[in-house]
Amino acid sequence: MSHRVCLVCLGNICRSPIAEVVVRRVLEERGLGEVVTVDSAGTEGWHAGRPMDERAAAVLSRHGYDGSSHRARRFEAGWFARTDLVLAMDAENLRALRRIAPVGADLRLFRSFDPAAPRDAEVPDPYYGGPEGFVEVLRMVEAAAEGLALHLERVVR
């Protein structure tokens, strides 16, 4: 049985694809790659079909990750039926997801898995800033990915 996780931001070209790539690697390193499926989407579909933002891909590449296969897509309400855990990058996207979520859907903020961050911590959108914002997003994502992996180890084993 596979446990499915979807990481969600606004346009699925910056934060959530960075998180998808990082979480997938962390899970593979912990031997969970075969039992946990990770993907990402946006609450809006403006960039559907496009690769991730060049700055996001560049920061991933500089840190040993490969995001070249990513293509943006929009989260659809029907996905809740096949997704066990939906993680929003910020409160705005969490609210958007809650509006379309069925009762009982497991929806949380992604950074709630970072033990060093407040429970309501967000991953800020780096889109309108400089490259340093993407580095900061990667740092936040890596910290939360470790906590998420620990959670998933308990859930699937």
N, C-alpha and C. Protein backbone atom coordinates (compact mmCIF):
# COMPACT_ATOMS: atom_id res chain seq x y z
N MET A 1 0.84 -1.19 0.00
CA MET A 1 0.00 0.00 0.00
C MET A 1 0.88 1.24 0.00
N SER A 2 0.51 2.20 -0.79
CA SER A 2 1.27 3.44 -0.87
C SER A 2 0.52 4.55 -0.14
N HIS A 3 1.26 5.35 0.56
CA HIS A 3 0.72 6.52 1.24
C HIS A 3 1.02 7.70 0.32
N ARG A 4 0.02 8.53 0.05
CA ARG A 4 0.19 9.62 -0.91
C ARG A 4 0.18 10.98 -0.22
N VAL A 5 1.19 11.80 -0.56
CA VAL A 5 1.33 13.15 -0.01
C VAL A 5 1.36 14.13 -1.18
N CYS A 6 0.62 15.23 -1.06
CA CYS A 6 0.66 16.28 -2.08
C CYS A 6 1.03 17.60 -1.41
N LEU A 7 2.02 18.27 -1.96
CA LEU A 7 2.51 19.55 -1.47
C LEU A 7 1.94 20.65 -2.35
N VAL A 8 1.37 21.69 -1.74
CA VAL A 8 0.60 22.66 -2.52
C VAL A 8 1.02 24.10 -2.20
N CYS A 9 1.26 24.86 -3.26
CA CYS A 9 1.46 26.31 -3.14
C CYS A 9 0.50 26.98 -4.12
N LEU A 10 0.77 28.20 -4.50
CA LEU A 10 -0.16 28.94 -5.35
C LEU A 10 -0.10 28.50 -6.82
N GLY A 11 1.08 28.59 -7.43
CA GLY A 11 1.19 28.31 -8.86
C GLY A 11 1.93 27.04 -9.23
N ASN A 12 2.50 26.35 -8.24
CA ASN A 12 3.23 25.10 -8.44
C ASN A 12 4.46 25.27 -9.32
N ILE A 13 5.14 26.42 -9.14
CA ILE A 13 6.40 26.62 -9.87
C ILE A 13 7.56 26.97 -8.95
N CYS A 14 7.31 27.24 -7.67
CA CYS A 14 8.41 27.60 -6.76
C CYS A 14 8.45 26.69 -5.54
N ARG A 15 7.62 27.01 -4.56
CA ARG A 15 7.70 26.34 -3.26
C ARG A 15 7.33 24.87 -3.30
N SER A 16 6.17 24.54 -3.83
CA SER A 16 5.76 23.13 -3.78
C SER A 16 6.63 22.21 -4.63
N PRO A 17 7.13 22.64 -5.80
CA PRO A 17 8.03 21.73 -6.51
C PRO A 17 9.38 21.56 -5.80
N ILE A 18 9.87 22.64 -5.17
CA ILE A 18 11.09 22.50 -4.37
C ILE A 18 10.84 21.47 -3.28
N ALA A 19 9.71 21.60 -2.60
CA ALA A 19 9.38 20.67 -1.52
C ALA A 19 9.21 19.25 -2.04
N GLU A 20 8.59 19.09 -3.18
CA GLU A 20 8.40 17.75 -3.75
C GLU A 20 9.75 17.06 -3.99
N VAL A 21 10.67 17.76 -4.60
CA VAL A 21 11.98 17.20 -4.91
C VAL A 21 12.73 16.84 -3.62
N VAL A 22 12.72 17.74 -2.65
CA VAL A 22 13.45 17.52 -1.40
C VAL A 22 12.81 16.38 -0.60
N VAL A 23 11.50 16.41 -0.44
CA VAL A 23 10.82 15.37 0.33
C VAL A 23 11.03 14.00 -0.32
N ARG A 24 10.93 13.95 -1.61
CA ARG A 24 11.13 12.66 -2.30
C ARG A 24 12.53 12.11 -2.00
N ARG A 25 13.54 12.96 -2.04
CA ARG A 25 14.91 12.52 -1.76
C ARG A 25 15.05 12.04 -0.31
N VAL A 26 14.52 12.80 0.63
CA VAL A 26 14.61 12.43 2.05
C VAL A 26 13.92 11.09 2.28
N LEU A 27 12.76 10.89 1.67
CA LEU A 27 12.05 9.63 1.85
C LEU A 27 12.82 8.46 1.23
N GLU A 28 13.42 8.68 0.08
CA GLU A 28 14.22 7.63 -0.55
C GLU A 28 15.41 7.27 0.34
N GLU A 29 16.06 8.28 0.92
CA GLU A 29 17.20 8.04 1.79
C GLU A 29 16.81 7.25 3.04
N ARG A 30 15.57 7.38 3.47
CA ARG A 30 15.09 6.68 4.66
C ARG A 30 14.40 5.35 4.32
N GLY A 31 14.45 4.97 3.05
CA GLY A 31 13.86 3.71 2.64
C GLY A 31 12.35 3.74 2.51
N LEU A 32 11.78 4.93 2.37
CA LEU A 32 10.33 5.07 2.25
C LEU A 32 9.88 5.40 0.83
N GLY A 33 10.81 5.47 -0.09
CA GLY A 33 10.48 5.86 -1.46
C GLY A 33 9.50 4.94 -2.15
N GLU A 34 9.48 3.68 -1.75
CA GLU A 34 8.57 2.71 -2.38
C GLU A 34 7.18 2.72 -1.75
N VAL A 35 7.05 3.27 -0.54
CA VAL A 35 5.76 3.21 0.16
C VAL A 35 5.08 4.57 0.30
N VAL A 36 5.80 5.64 -0.02
CA VAL A 36 5.19 6.98 0.03
C VAL A 36 5.37 7.64 -1.33
N THR A 37 4.26 8.06 -1.92
CA THR A 37 4.28 8.78 -3.18
C THR A 37 4.13 10.27 -2.89
N VAL A 38 4.99 11.07 -3.49
CA VAL A 38 4.98 12.51 -3.26
C VAL A 38 4.76 13.22 -4.59
N ASP A 39 3.84 14.18 -4.59
CA ASP A 39 3.69 15.05 -5.75
C ASP A 39 3.36 16.45 -5.28
N SER A 40 3.12 17.33 -6.23
CA SER A 40 2.83 18.72 -5.88
C SER A 40 1.85 19.32 -6.87
N ALA A 41 1.26 20.42 -6.45
CA ALA A 41 0.28 21.12 -7.30
C ALA A 41 0.12 22.55 -6.77
N GLY A 42 -0.63 23.33 -7.52
CA GLY A 42 -0.94 24.70 -7.11
C GLY A 42 -2.44 24.86 -6.94
N THR A 43 -2.83 25.82 -6.13
CA THR A 43 -4.27 26.09 -5.99
C THR A 43 -4.79 26.86 -7.20
N GLU A 44 -3.90 27.44 -7.96
CA GLU A 44 -4.25 28.13 -9.21
C GLU A 44 -3.55 27.43 -10.37
N GLY A 45 -4.10 27.57 -11.56
CA GLY A 45 -3.57 26.86 -12.72
C GLY A 45 -2.86 27.71 -13.74
N TRP A 46 -2.42 28.90 -13.35
CA TRP A 46 -1.82 29.83 -14.32
C TRP A 46 -0.63 29.24 -15.06
N HIS A 47 0.16 28.40 -14.40
CA HIS A 47 1.40 27.90 -14.99
C HIS A 47 1.31 26.43 -15.42
N ALA A 48 0.10 25.89 -15.47
CA ALA A 48 -0.08 24.46 -15.77
C ALA A 48 0.71 24.05 -17.01
N GLY A 49 1.45 22.95 -16.86
CA GLY A 49 2.23 22.41 -17.96
C GLY A 49 3.63 22.97 -18.09
N ARG A 50 3.93 24.02 -17.35
CA ARG A 50 5.25 24.66 -17.46
C ARG A 50 6.22 24.08 -16.43
N PRO A 51 7.53 24.18 -16.72
CA PRO A 51 8.53 23.75 -15.74
C PRO A 51 8.54 24.71 -14.55
N MET A 52 9.27 24.32 -13.51
CA MET A 52 9.35 25.20 -12.35
C MET A 52 10.12 26.47 -12.70
N ASP A 53 9.93 27.49 -11.90
CA ASP A 53 10.63 28.76 -12.04
C ASP A 53 12.14 28.48 -12.16
N GLU A 54 12.80 29.19 -13.05
CA GLU A 54 14.24 28.98 -13.28
C GLU A 54 15.05 29.18 -12.01
N ARG A 55 14.63 30.13 -11.18
CA ARG A 55 15.37 30.39 -9.93
C ARG A 55 15.21 29.22 -8.95
N ALA A 56 14.03 28.61 -8.93
CA ALA A 56 13.80 27.44 -8.08
C ALA A 56 14.64 26.27 -8.57
N ALA A 57 14.65 26.04 -9.88
CA ALA A 57 15.45 24.96 -10.44
C ALA A 57 16.93 25.19 -10.18
N ALA A 58 17.37 26.44 -10.27
CA ALA A 58 18.78 26.76 -10.06
C ALA A 58 19.21 26.51 -8.61
N VAL A 59 18.38 26.90 -7.66
CA VAL A 59 18.76 26.68 -6.25
C VAL A 59 18.77 25.19 -5.95
N LEU A 60 17.85 24.44 -6.51
CA LEU A 60 17.87 22.99 -6.32
C LEU A 60 19.14 22.40 -6.91
N SER A 61 19.48 22.78 -8.12
CA SER A 61 20.66 22.25 -8.80
C SER A 61 21.94 22.57 -8.02
N ARG A 62 22.05 23.80 -7.54
CA ARG A 62 23.24 24.20 -6.76
C ARG A 62 23.40 23.38 -5.48
N HIS A 63 22.29 22.81 -5.00
CA HIS A 63 22.34 22.03 -3.76
C HIS A 63 22.20 20.53 -4.01
N GLY A 64 22.42 20.10 -5.25
CA GLY A 64 22.48 18.68 -5.56
C GLY A 64 21.15 18.00 -5.85
N TYR A 65 20.11 18.77 -6.12
CA TYR A 65 18.80 18.20 -6.44
C TYR A 65 18.50 18.42 -7.92
N ASP A 66 17.58 17.62 -8.45
CA ASP A 66 17.19 17.75 -9.85
C ASP A 66 15.68 17.95 -9.96
N GLY A 67 15.28 19.13 -10.37
CA GLY A 67 13.86 19.43 -10.54
C GLY A 67 13.46 19.56 -12.00
N SER A 68 14.30 19.07 -12.90
CA SER A 68 14.08 19.30 -14.33
C SER A 68 12.83 18.63 -14.90
N SER A 69 12.34 17.58 -14.27
CA SER A 69 11.18 16.88 -14.84
C SER A 69 9.84 17.49 -14.39
N HIS A 70 9.88 18.46 -13.49
CA HIS A 70 8.63 19.03 -12.96
C HIS A 70 7.83 19.76 -14.03
N ARG A 71 6.52 19.57 -13.98
CA ARG A 71 5.58 20.35 -14.79
C ARG A 71 4.44 20.75 -13.87
N ALA A 72 4.12 22.03 -13.87
CA ALA A 72 3.12 22.58 -12.97
C ALA A 72 1.73 22.04 -13.30
N ARG A 73 0.93 21.92 -12.24
CA ARG A 73 -0.46 21.51 -12.42
C ARG A 73 -1.29 22.10 -11.27
N ARG A 74 -2.58 22.08 -11.48
CA ARG A 74 -3.51 22.64 -10.50
C ARG A 74 -4.13 21.51 -9.68
N PHE A 75 -4.23 21.73 -8.36
CA PHE A 75 -4.85 20.75 -7.48
C PHE A 75 -6.34 20.71 -7.77
N GLU A 76 -6.88 19.52 -7.92
CA GLU A 76 -8.30 19.34 -8.18
C GLU A 76 -8.97 18.70 -6.98
N ALA A 77 -10.19 19.08 -6.69
CA ALA A 77 -10.91 18.57 -5.52
C ALA A 77 -10.97 17.05 -5.49
N GLY A 78 -11.07 16.41 -6.64
CA GLY A 78 -11.14 14.96 -6.70
C GLY A 78 -9.89 14.26 -6.20
N TRP A 79 -8.78 14.98 -6.13
CA TRP A 79 -7.53 14.38 -5.67
C TRP A 79 -7.57 14.00 -4.20
N PHE A 80 -8.45 14.64 -3.43
CA PHE A 80 -8.53 14.29 -2.01
C PHE A 80 -8.84 12.82 -1.81
N ALA A 81 -9.60 12.23 -2.72
CA ALA A 81 -9.98 10.82 -2.60
C ALA A 81 -8.78 9.89 -2.73
N ARG A 82 -7.72 10.36 -3.38
CA ARG A 82 -6.54 9.50 -3.58
C ARG A 82 -5.29 10.04 -2.89
N THR A 83 -5.46 11.03 -2.03
CA THR A 83 -4.32 11.63 -1.33
C THR A 83 -4.55 11.53 0.17
N ASP A 84 -3.55 11.01 0.88
CA ASP A 84 -3.68 10.81 2.32
C ASP A 84 -3.37 12.06 3.13
N LEU A 85 -2.45 12.88 2.64
CA LEU A 85 -2.00 14.06 3.37
C LEU A 85 -1.73 15.18 2.37
N VAL A 86 -2.39 16.32 2.58
CA VAL A 86 -2.20 17.48 1.71
C VAL A 86 -1.57 18.58 2.55
N LEU A 87 -0.42 19.06 2.10
CA LEU A 87 0.35 20.04 2.85
C LEU A 87 0.48 21.34 2.09
N ALA A 88 -0.07 22.40 2.67
CA ALA A 88 -0.02 23.73 2.05
C ALA A 88 1.22 24.48 2.51
N MET A 89 1.75 25.29 1.63
CA MET A 89 2.93 26.08 1.96
C MET A 89 2.62 27.30 2.82
N ASP A 90 1.37 27.78 2.75
CA ASP A 90 1.01 28.95 3.56
C ASP A 90 -0.47 28.92 3.91
N ALA A 91 -0.87 29.84 4.78
CA ALA A 91 -2.25 29.86 5.27
C ALA A 91 -3.25 30.17 4.16
N GLU A 92 -2.86 31.02 3.22
CA GLU A 92 -3.77 31.36 2.12
C GLU A 92 -4.11 30.13 1.30
N ASN A 93 -3.11 29.34 0.97
CA ASN A 93 -3.37 28.12 0.20
C ASN A 93 -4.07 27.07 1.03
N LEU A 94 -3.81 27.03 2.33
CA LEU A 94 -4.53 26.12 3.21
C LEU A 94 -6.02 26.44 3.22
N ARG A 95 -6.34 27.73 3.28
CA ARG A 95 -7.76 28.14 3.23
C ARG A 95 -8.40 27.75 1.90
N ALA A 96 -7.69 27.96 0.81
CA ALA A 96 -8.22 27.60 -0.51
C ALA A 96 -8.49 26.10 -0.59
N LEU A 97 -7.61 25.31 -0.04
CA LEU A 97 -7.79 23.85 -0.04
C LEU A 97 -8.95 23.44 0.85
N ARG A 98 -9.08 24.08 1.99
CA ARG A 98 -10.18 23.74 2.91
C ARG A 98 -11.54 24.01 2.28
N ARG A 99 -11.61 25.01 1.40
CA ARG A 99 -12.88 25.32 0.74
C ARG A 99 -13.35 24.19 -0.17
N ILE A 100 -12.43 23.39 -0.68
CA ILE A 100 -12.81 22.32 -1.61
C ILE A 100 -12.63 20.93 -1.00
N ALA A 101 -12.14 20.86 0.23
CA ALA A 101 -11.83 19.57 0.85
C ALA A 101 -13.08 18.90 1.41
N PRO A 102 -13.15 17.59 1.30
CA PRO A 102 -14.23 16.85 1.95
C PRO A 102 -13.99 16.79 3.46
N VAL A 103 -15.01 16.51 4.20
CA VAL A 103 -14.89 16.34 5.64
C VAL A 103 -13.90 15.20 5.91
N GLY A 104 -13.01 15.43 6.84
CA GLY A 104 -12.04 14.40 7.22
C GLY A 104 -10.74 14.42 6.45
N ALA A 105 -10.60 15.30 5.48
CA ALA A 105 -9.34 15.38 4.72
C ALA A 105 -8.22 15.82 5.66
N ASP A 106 -7.05 15.21 5.51
CA ASP A 106 -5.89 15.56 6.32
C ASP A 106 -5.13 16.68 5.63
N LEU A 107 -5.39 17.90 6.08
CA LEU A 107 -4.81 19.12 5.52
C LEU A 107 -4.00 19.82 6.60
N ARG A 108 -2.77 20.18 6.29
CA ARG A 108 -1.91 20.85 7.27
C ARG A 108 -0.97 21.82 6.56
N LEU A 109 -0.33 22.66 7.36
CA LEU A 109 0.76 23.48 6.84
C LEU A 109 2.02 22.62 6.79
N PHE A 110 2.76 22.72 5.73
CA PHE A 110 3.97 21.93 5.55
C PHE A 110 4.98 22.16 6.69
N ARG A 111 5.19 23.42 7.06
CA ARG A 111 6.20 23.70 8.08
C ARG A 111 5.79 23.26 9.47
N SER A 112 4.56 22.78 9.64
CA SER A 112 4.16 22.25 10.95
C SER A 112 4.97 21.01 11.30
N PHE A 113 5.68 20.44 10.33
CA PHE A 113 6.53 19.28 10.56
C PHE A 113 7.96 19.66 10.94
N ASP A 114 8.27 20.95 10.94
CA ASP A 114 9.59 21.42 11.37
C ASP A 114 9.53 21.65 12.87
N PRO A 115 10.21 20.81 13.67
CA PRO A 115 10.12 20.95 15.12
C PRO A 115 10.67 22.27 15.66
N ALA A 116 11.49 22.97 14.88
CA ALA A 116 12.06 24.23 15.32
C ALA A 116 11.20 25.44 14.93
N ALA A 117 10.14 25.21 14.18
CA ALA A 117 9.29 26.30 13.70
C ALA A 117 7.97 26.31 14.47
N PRO A 118 7.34 27.48 14.59
CA PRO A 118 5.99 27.51 15.19
C PRO A 118 5.03 26.67 14.36
N ARG A 119 3.99 26.14 14.99
CA ARG A 119 3.02 25.27 14.30
C ARG A 119 2.36 25.96 13.10
N ASP A 120 2.23 27.29 13.16
CA ASP A 120 1.57 28.02 12.07
C ASP A 120 2.57 28.67 11.11
N ALA A 121 3.83 28.23 11.14
CA ALA A 121 4.85 28.80 10.26
C ALA A 121 4.54 28.49 8.81
N GLU A 122 4.87 29.45 7.96
CA GLU A 122 4.62 29.32 6.52
C GLU A 122 5.93 29.28 5.75
N VAL A 123 5.86 28.79 4.54
CA VAL A 123 6.96 28.92 3.58
C VAL A 123 6.60 30.12 2.72
N PRO A 124 7.32 31.24 2.84
CA PRO A 124 6.96 32.44 2.09
C PRO A 124 7.20 32.28 0.59
N ASP A 125 6.38 32.97 -0.18
CA ASP A 125 6.48 32.91 -1.63
C ASP A 125 7.68 33.75 -2.09
N PRO A 126 8.68 33.12 -2.73
CA PRO A 126 9.86 33.87 -3.16
C PRO A 126 9.73 34.49 -4.55
N TYR A 127 8.60 34.30 -5.20
CA TYR A 127 8.45 34.62 -6.63
C TYR A 127 8.83 36.07 -6.98
N TYR A 128 8.41 37.03 -6.17
CA TYR A 128 8.65 38.43 -6.52
C TYR A 128 9.94 39.00 -5.92
N GLY A 129 10.74 38.15 -5.31
CA GLY A 129 11.99 38.59 -4.70
C GLY A 129 13.19 38.11 -5.48
N GLY A 130 14.34 38.23 -4.85
CA GLY A 130 15.59 37.82 -5.47
C GLY A 130 15.94 36.38 -5.17
N PRO A 131 17.10 35.94 -5.63
CA PRO A 131 17.52 34.55 -5.47
C PRO A 131 17.67 34.12 -4.01
N GLU A 132 17.96 35.06 -3.12
CA GLU A 132 18.12 34.70 -1.71
C GLU A 132 16.82 34.13 -1.12
N GLY A 133 15.68 34.56 -1.65
CA GLY A 133 14.40 34.03 -1.18
C GLY A 133 14.25 32.55 -1.50
N PHE A 134 14.79 32.13 -2.61
CA PHE A 134 14.72 30.71 -3.00
C PHE A 134 15.63 29.86 -2.12
N VAL A 135 16.78 30.43 -1.74
CA VAL A 135 17.68 29.73 -0.83
C VAL A 135 17.01 29.55 0.52
N GLU A 136 16.33 30.58 1.00
CA GLU A 136 15.62 30.52 2.27
C GLU A 136 14.49 29.48 2.22
N VAL A 137 13.77 29.45 1.12
CA VAL A 137 12.71 28.45 0.94
C VAL A 137 13.31 27.04 1.02
N LEU A 138 14.42 26.83 0.34
CA LEU A 138 15.06 25.51 0.37
C LEU A 138 15.45 25.14 1.80
N ARG A 139 16.01 26.07 2.55
CA ARG A 139 16.40 25.81 3.94
C ARG A 139 15.19 25.40 4.77
N MET A 140 14.08 26.14 4.62
CA MET A 140 12.86 25.82 5.36
C MET A 140 12.31 24.46 4.96
N VAL A 141 12.32 24.19 3.67
CA VAL A 141 11.80 22.92 3.15
C VAL A 141 12.62 21.75 3.66
N GLU A 142 13.94 21.88 3.64
CA GLU A 142 14.78 20.78 4.11
C GLU A 142 14.51 20.48 5.59
N ALA A 143 14.33 21.51 6.40
CA ALA A 143 14.05 21.31 7.82
C ALA A 143 12.71 20.61 8.03
N ALA A 144 11.68 21.04 7.32
CA ALA A 144 10.36 20.43 7.47
C ALA A 144 10.32 19.03 6.87
N ALA A 145 11.10 18.78 5.82
CA ALA A 145 11.11 17.47 5.17
C ALA A 145 11.59 16.39 6.13
N GLU A 146 12.55 16.71 6.95
CA GLU A 146 13.04 15.73 7.93
C GLU A 146 11.94 15.36 8.92
N GLY A 147 11.23 16.37 9.43
CA GLY A 147 10.13 16.11 10.35
C GLY A 147 9.00 15.34 9.69
N LEU A 148 8.71 15.67 8.45
CA LEU A 148 7.67 14.95 7.71
C LEU A 148 8.07 13.49 7.54
N ALA A 149 9.34 13.23 7.23
CA ALA A 149 9.80 11.85 7.06
C ALA A 149 9.64 11.06 8.35
N LEU A 150 9.95 11.67 9.47
CA LEU A 150 9.76 10.99 10.76
C LEU A 150 8.29 10.65 10.99
N HIS A 151 7.42 11.60 10.68
CA HIS A 151 5.97 11.36 10.80
C HIS A 151 5.54 10.20 9.90
N LEU A 152 5.99 10.23 8.66
CA LEU A 152 5.57 9.20 7.71
C LEU A 152 6.12 7.83 8.07
N GLU A 153 7.31 7.79 8.64
CA GLU A 153 7.86 6.50 9.12
C GLU A 153 6.90 5.87 10.12
N ARG A 154 6.36 6.67 11.03
CA ARG A 154 5.42 6.15 12.03
C ARG A 154 4.11 5.73 11.39
N VAL A 155 3.67 6.44 10.38
CA VAL A 155 2.38 6.16 9.74
C VAL A 155 2.42 4.89 8.90
N VAL A 156 3.48 4.70 8.13
CA VAL A 156 3.50 3.60 7.16
C VAL A 156 4.13 2.32 7.68
N ARG A 157 4.80 2.39 8.81
CA ARG A 157 5.48 1.17 9.30
C ARG A 157 4.78 0.57 10.48
